[in-house]
């Protein structure tokens, strides 16, 4: 998960390399950037950052991205697969060549979070096909509203990994 299965643009690769060097930690990619349903320029790039010092890493990330601290949200996540309760931080970032979602977690949660994310990397053919179809309706044709798109995507991913329940997230 330290490399993406889908090719990033040179600008995106440079950005993530510089960020990884600045934070002095590895970045772990998950989500559609690791699957065949990734759409360059449309899909966001999901990144996990694991650290022993969340406060320091968040400060560095805030400085690197030139973000207001209010953009960084605290999250509580009850994982679906192993029922572990984790805490961390999330933020969405967008610039002219990149849309990304960063998740910052304590190093102690790393094996559980990676296990959870790995469970959604290889999907059945029909799930990939349906995801590509709803992405066509949402991104290319603009006829599927974001709320419906997100709902359908969540249900397809959950069904693909053998559950009908969503992960439980609280953002504060």
C-alpha atoms as a PDB file:
ATOM      1  CA  UNK A   1       0.000   0.000   0.000  1.00  0.00           C
ATOM      2  CA  UNK A   2       3.037   2.248  -0.073  1.00  0.00           C
ATOM      3  CA  UNK A   3       2.723   2.399  -3.863  1.00  0.00           C
ATOM      4  CA  UNK A   4      -0.390   3.006  -5.901  1.00  0.00           C
ATOM      5  CA  UNK A   5      -1.727   0.407  -8.317  1.00  0.00           C
ATOM      6  CA  UNK A   6      -2.900   3.217 -10.582  1.00  0.00           C
ATOM      7  CA  UNK A   7      -0.366   5.603 -12.035  1.00  0.00           C
ATOM      8  CA  UNK A   8      -0.301   9.084 -10.556  1.00  0.00           C
ATOM      9  CA  UNK A   9       0.606  12.156 -12.576  1.00  0.00           C
ATOM     10  CA  UNK A  10       4.195  13.404 -12.222  1.00  0.00           C
ATOM     11  CA  UNK A  11       2.894  16.388 -10.195  1.00  0.00           C
ATOM     12  CA  UNK A  12       0.983  14.111  -7.834  1.00  0.00           C
ATOM     13  CA  UNK A  13       3.942  11.749  -7.402  1.00  0.00           C
ATOM     14  CA  UNK A  14       6.247  14.679  -6.648  1.00  0.00           C
ATOM     15  CA  UNK A  15       3.743  16.109  -4.163  1.00  0.00           C
ATOM     16  CA  UNK A  16       3.399  12.839  -2.237  1.00  0.00           C
ATOM     17  CA  UNK A  17       7.161  12.177  -2.299  1.00  0.00           C
ATOM     18  CA  UNK A  18       7.848  15.646  -0.898  1.00  0.00           C
ATOM     19  CA  UNK A  19       5.138  15.223   1.739  1.00  0.00           C
ATOM     20  CA  UNK A  20       6.500  11.838   2.807  1.00  0.00           C
ATOM     21  CA  UNK A  21      10.005  13.302   3.098  1.00  0.00           C
ATOM     22  CA  UNK A  22       8.752  16.364   4.984  1.00  0.00           C
ATOM     23  CA  UNK A  23       6.807  14.236   7.479  1.00  0.00           C
ATOM     24  CA  UNK A  24       9.631  11.693   7.616  1.00  0.00           C
ATOM     25  CA  UNK A  25       7.150   8.836   7.355  1.00  0.00           C
ATOM     26  CA  UNK A  26       5.688   6.488   4.778  1.00  0.00           C
ATOM     27  CA  UNK A  27       2.334   7.186   3.196  1.00  0.00           C
ATOM     28  CA  UNK A  28      -0.114   4.312   2.738  1.00  0.00           C
ATOM     29  CA  UNK A  29      -2.591   4.534  -0.137  1.00  0.00           C
ATOM     30  CA  UNK A  30      -6.000   2.899  -0.050  1.00  0.00           C
ATOM     31  CA  UNK A  31      -9.368   3.203  -1.747  1.00  0.00           C
ATOM     32  CA  UNK A  32     -10.003   3.457  -5.456  1.00  0.00           C
ATOM     33  CA  UNK A  33      -6.410   4.478  -6.254  1.00  0.00           C
ATOM     34  CA  UNK A  34      -5.615   0.829  -5.461  1.00  0.00           C
ATOM     35  CA  UNK A  35      -8.456  -0.596  -7.577  1.00  0.00           C
ATOM     36  CA  UNK A  36      -9.580  -0.659 -11.229  1.00  0.00           C
ATOM     37  CA  UNK A  37     -12.428   1.829 -10.552  1.00  0.00           C
ATOM     38  CA  UNK A  38     -10.009   4.764 -10.046  1.00  0.00           C
ATOM     39  CA  UNK A  39     -10.710   7.668 -12.411  1.00  0.00           C
ATOM     40  CA  UNK A  40      -7.719  10.024 -12.815  1.00  0.00           C
ATOM     41  CA  UNK A  41      -8.657  13.640 -12.179  1.00  0.00           C
ATOM     42  CA  UNK A  42     -12.010  12.685 -10.641  1.00  0.00           C
ATOM     43  CA  UNK A  43     -11.408  10.154  -7.855  1.00  0.00           C
ATOM     44  CA  UNK A  44      -9.724  11.390  -4.719  1.00  0.00           C
ATOM     45  CA  UNK A  45      -6.568   9.755  -3.426  1.00  0.00           C
ATOM     46  CA  UNK A  46      -6.945   8.288   0.055  1.00  0.00           C
ATOM     47  CA  UNK A  47      -3.830   8.325   2.234  1.00  0.00           C
ATOM     48  CA  UNK A  48      -3.154   6.891   5.681  1.00  0.00           C
ATOM     49  CA  UNK A  49      -0.402   8.401   7.817  1.00  0.00           C
ATOM     50  CA  UNK A  50       0.696   6.490  10.917  1.00  0.00           C
ATOM     51  CA  UNK A  51       2.718   8.185  13.626  1.00  0.00           C
ATOM     52  CA  UNK A  52       3.773   7.938  17.251  1.00  0.00           C
ATOM     53  CA  UNK A  53       3.180  11.677  17.668  1.00  0.00           C
ATOM     54  CA  UNK A  54      -0.123  12.728  16.106  1.00  0.00           C
ATOM     55  CA  UNK A  55       0.117  16.364  17.246  1.00  0.00           C
ATOM     56  CA  UNK A  56       3.520  16.889  15.667  1.00  0.00           C
ATOM     57  CA  UNK A  57       2.515  15.171  12.427  1.00  0.00           C
ATOM     58  CA  UNK A  58      -0.693  17.199  12.207  1.00  0.00           C
ATOM     59  CA  UNK A  59       1.257  20.443  12.741  1.00  0.00           C
ATOM     60  CA  UNK A  60       3.716  19.476  10.004  1.00  0.00           C
ATOM     61  CA  UNK A  61       0.897  18.461   7.670  1.00  0.00           C
ATOM     62  CA  UNK A  62      -0.936  21.699   8.372  1.00  0.00           C
ATOM     63  CA  UNK A  63       2.229  23.665   7.570  1.00  0.00           C
ATOM     64  CA  UNK A  64       3.019  21.690   4.402  1.00  0.00           C
ATOM     65  CA  UNK A  65      -0.528  22.027   3.051  1.00  0.00           C
ATOM     66  CA  UNK A  66      -0.997  25.639   4.280  1.00  0.00           C
ATOM     67  CA  UNK A  67      -4.231  24.662   6.018  1.00  0.00           C
ATOM     68  CA  UNK A  68      -6.210  26.153   8.852  1.00  0.00           C
ATOM     69  CA  UNK A  69      -6.356  23.784  11.825  1.00  0.00           C
ATOM     70  CA  UNK A  70     -10.177  23.929  11.640  1.00  0.00           C
ATOM     71  CA  UNK A  71     -10.009  21.835   8.451  1.00  0.00           C
ATOM     72  CA  UNK A  72      -8.611  18.885  10.419  1.00  0.00           C
ATOM     73  CA  UNK A  73     -11.380  16.848  12.034  1.00  0.00           C
ATOM     74  CA  UNK A  74     -11.086  14.335  14.850  1.00  0.00           C
ATOM     75  CA  UNK A  75     -12.669  10.957  14.092  1.00  0.00           C
ATOM     76  CA  UNK A  76     -13.784   7.954  16.075  1.00  0.00           C
ATOM     77  CA  UNK A  77     -14.054   4.767  14.010  1.00  0.00           C
ATOM     78  CA  UNK A  78     -15.520   1.425  14.998  1.00  0.00           C
ATOM     79  CA  UNK A  79     -14.107  -0.953  12.438  1.00  0.00           C
ATOM     80  CA  UNK A  80     -16.464  -3.350  10.773  1.00  0.00           C
ATOM     81  CA  UNK A  81     -14.055  -6.265  10.329  1.00  0.00           C
ATOM     82  CA  UNK A  82     -12.413  -6.567  13.752  1.00  0.00           C
ATOM     83  CA  UNK A  83     -14.709  -4.320  15.854  1.00  0.00           C
ATOM     84  CA  UNK A  84     -11.724  -2.274  17.097  1.00  0.00           C
ATOM     85  CA  UNK A  85     -12.383   1.282  18.179  1.00  0.00           C
ATOM     86  CA  UNK A  86      -9.826   3.752  16.825  1.00  0.00           C
ATOM     87  CA  UNK A  87      -9.352   7.490  16.991  1.00  0.00           C
ATOM     88  CA  UNK A  88      -7.554   9.693  14.536  1.00  0.00           C
ATOM     89  CA  UNK A  89      -7.843  12.754  12.351  1.00  0.00           C
ATOM     90  CA  UNK A  90      -9.052  13.359   8.803  1.00  0.00           C
ATOM     91  CA  UNK A  91      -8.800  16.174   6.352  1.00  0.00           C
ATOM     92  CA  UNK A  92      -9.721  16.769   2.754  1.00  0.00           C
ATOM     93  CA  UNK A  93      -7.256  18.603   0.550  1.00  0.00           C
ATOM     94  CA  UNK A  94      -7.624  19.932  -2.963  1.00  0.00           C
ATOM     95  CA  UNK A  95      -5.368  21.911  -5.262  1.00  0.00           C
ATOM     96  CA  UNK A  96      -5.104  22.375  -9.036  1.00  0.00           C
ATOM     97  CA  UNK A  97      -3.810  18.844  -9.699  1.00  0.00           C
ATOM     98  CA  UNK A  98      -4.934  16.789  -6.721  1.00  0.00           C
ATOM     99  CA  UNK A  99      -7.887  15.769  -4.559  1.00  0.00           C
ATOM    100  CA  UNK A 100      -6.861  13.816  -1.476  1.00  0.00           C
ATOM    101  CA  UNK A 101      -8.206  12.644   1.837  1.00  0.00           C
ATOM    102  CA  UNK A 102      -5.629  12.222   4.579  1.00  0.00           C
ATOM    103  CA  UNK A 103      -6.214  10.085   7.657  1.00  0.00           C
ATOM    104  CA  UNK A 104      -3.743  10.409  10.543  1.00  0.00           C
ATOM    105  CA  UNK A 105      -3.685   7.619  13.122  1.00  0.00           C
ATOM    106  CA  UNK A 106      -1.504   6.513  15.973  1.00  0.00           C
ATOM    107  CA  UNK A 107       0.990   3.818  15.010  1.00  0.00           C
ATOM    108  CA  UNK A 108      -0.685   1.352  17.413  1.00  0.00           C
ATOM    109  CA  UNK A 109      -3.734   1.166  15.101  1.00  0.00           C
ATOM    110  CA  UNK A 110      -1.718   0.479  11.952  1.00  0.00           C
ATOM    111  CA  UNK A 111      -2.226  -3.312  11.641  1.00  0.00           C
ATOM    112  CA  UNK A 112      -5.985  -3.039  12.191  1.00  0.00           C
ATOM    113  CA  UNK A 113      -6.501  -0.143   9.794  1.00  0.00           C
ATOM    114  CA  UNK A 114      -4.367  -1.694   7.061  1.00  0.00           C
ATOM    115  CA  UNK A 115      -6.284  -4.964   7.446  1.00  0.00           C
ATOM    116  CA  UNK A 116      -9.561  -3.075   7.088  1.00  0.00           C
ATOM    117  CA  UNK A 117      -8.397  -1.168   4.018  1.00  0.00           C
ATOM    118  CA  UNK A 118      -6.835  -4.241   2.413  1.00  0.00           C
ATOM    119  CA  UNK A 119     -10.191  -6.013   2.618  1.00  0.00           C
ATOM    120  CA  UNK A 120     -11.573  -3.545   0.043  1.00  0.00           C
ATOM    121  CA  UNK A 121      -8.674  -3.620  -2.426  1.00  0.00           C
ATOM    122  CA  UNK A 122      -9.619  -6.707  -4.436  1.00  0.00           C
ATOM    123  CA  UNK A 123     -13.276  -6.743  -5.371  1.00  0.00           C
ATOM    124  CA  UNK A 124     -15.371  -9.176  -7.395  1.00  0.00           C
ATOM    125  CA  UNK A 125     -15.694  -8.324 -11.083  1.00  0.00           C
ATOM    126  CA  UNK A 126     -19.372  -7.373 -10.774  1.00  0.00           C
ATOM    127  CA  UNK A 127     -18.596  -4.894  -7.973  1.00  0.00           C
ATOM    128  CA  UNK A 128     -15.881  -3.218 -10.025  1.00  0.00           C
ATOM    129  CA  UNK A 129     -18.216  -3.037 -13.007  1.00  0.00           C
ATOM    130  CA  UNK A 130     -21.035  -1.497 -10.947  1.00  0.00           C
ATOM    131  CA  UNK A 131     -18.631   0.992  -9.309  1.00  0.00           C
ATOM    132  CA  UNK A 132     -17.380   2.062 -12.744  1.00  0.00           C
ATOM    133  CA  UNK A 133     -20.966   2.448 -13.937  1.00  0.00           C
ATOM    134  CA  UNK A 134     -22.052   4.662 -11.023  1.00  0.00           C
ATOM    135  CA  UNK A 135     -18.846   6.696 -11.418  1.00  0.00           C
ATOM    136  CA  UNK A 136     -19.738   7.221 -15.082  1.00  0.00           C
ATOM    137  CA  UNK A 137     -23.190   8.451 -14.040  1.00  0.00           C
ATOM    138  CA  UNK A 138     -21.735  10.693 -11.328  1.00  0.00           C
ATOM    139  CA  UNK A 139     -18.464  12.053 -12.743  1.00  0.00           C
ATOM    140  CA  UNK A 140     -18.870  11.928 -16.520  1.00  0.00           C
ATOM    141  CA  UNK A 141     -22.592  12.450 -17.064  1.00  0.00           C
ATOM    142  CA  UNK A 142     -23.353  14.378 -13.861  1.00  0.00           C
ATOM    143  CA  UNK A 143     -26.777  12.754 -13.460  1.00  0.00           C
ATOM    144  CA  UNK A 144     -26.159  10.930 -10.182  1.00  0.00           C
ATOM    145  CA  UNK A 145     -26.130  13.351  -7.218  1.00  0.00           C
ATOM    146  CA  UNK A 146     -23.249  13.074  -4.765  1.00  0.00           C
ATOM    147  CA  UNK A 147     -25.440  11.815  -1.914  1.00  0.00           C
ATOM    148  CA  UNK A 148     -26.762   8.909  -4.028  1.00  0.00           C
ATOM    149  CA  UNK A 149     -23.300   8.192  -5.403  1.00  0.00           C
ATOM    150  CA  UNK A 150     -21.771   7.985  -1.902  1.00  0.00           C
ATOM    151  CA  UNK A 151     -24.626   5.820  -0.618  1.00  0.00           C
ATOM    152  CA  UNK A 152     -24.380   3.368  -3.537  1.00  0.00           C
ATOM    153  CA  UNK A 153     -20.589   3.225  -3.372  1.00  0.00           C
ATOM    154  CA  UNK A 154     -20.663   2.390   0.349  1.00  0.00           C
ATOM    155  CA  UNK A 155     -23.276  -0.324  -0.155  1.00  0.00           C
ATOM    156  CA  UNK A 156     -21.375  -1.899  -3.076  1.00  0.00           C
ATOM    157  CA  UNK A 157     -18.092  -1.937  -1.154  1.00  0.00           C
ATOM    158  CA  UNK A 158     -19.733  -3.377   1.959  1.00  0.00           C
ATOM    159  CA  UNK A 159     -21.580  -6.047  -0.012  1.00  0.00           C
ATOM    160  CA  UNK A 160     -18.340  -6.961  -1.818  1.00  0.00           C
ATOM    161  CA  UNK A 161     -16.595  -7.719   1.475  1.00  0.00           C
ATOM    162  CA  UNK A 162     -19.516  -9.723   2.825  1.00  0.00           C
ATOM    163  CA  UNK A 163     -21.426  -7.313   5.020  1.00  0.00           C
ATOM    164  CA  UNK A 164     -24.404  -5.039   4.645  1.00  0.00           C
ATOM    165  CA  UNK A 165     -23.494  -2.773   7.553  1.00  0.00           C
ATOM    166  CA  UNK A 166     -21.484   0.413   7.222  1.00  0.00           C
ATOM    167  CA  UNK A 167     -18.424   1.260   9.265  1.00  0.00           C
ATOM    168  CA  UNK A 168     -19.330   3.456  12.210  1.00  0.00           C
ATOM    169  CA  UNK A 169     -17.669   6.883  12.053  1.00  0.00           C
ATOM    170  CA  UNK A 170     -18.123   9.881  14.283  1.00  0.00           C
ATOM    171  CA  UNK A 171     -16.528  13.147  13.197  1.00  0.00           C
ATOM    172  CA  UNK A 172     -16.047  15.919  15.757  1.00  0.00           C
END
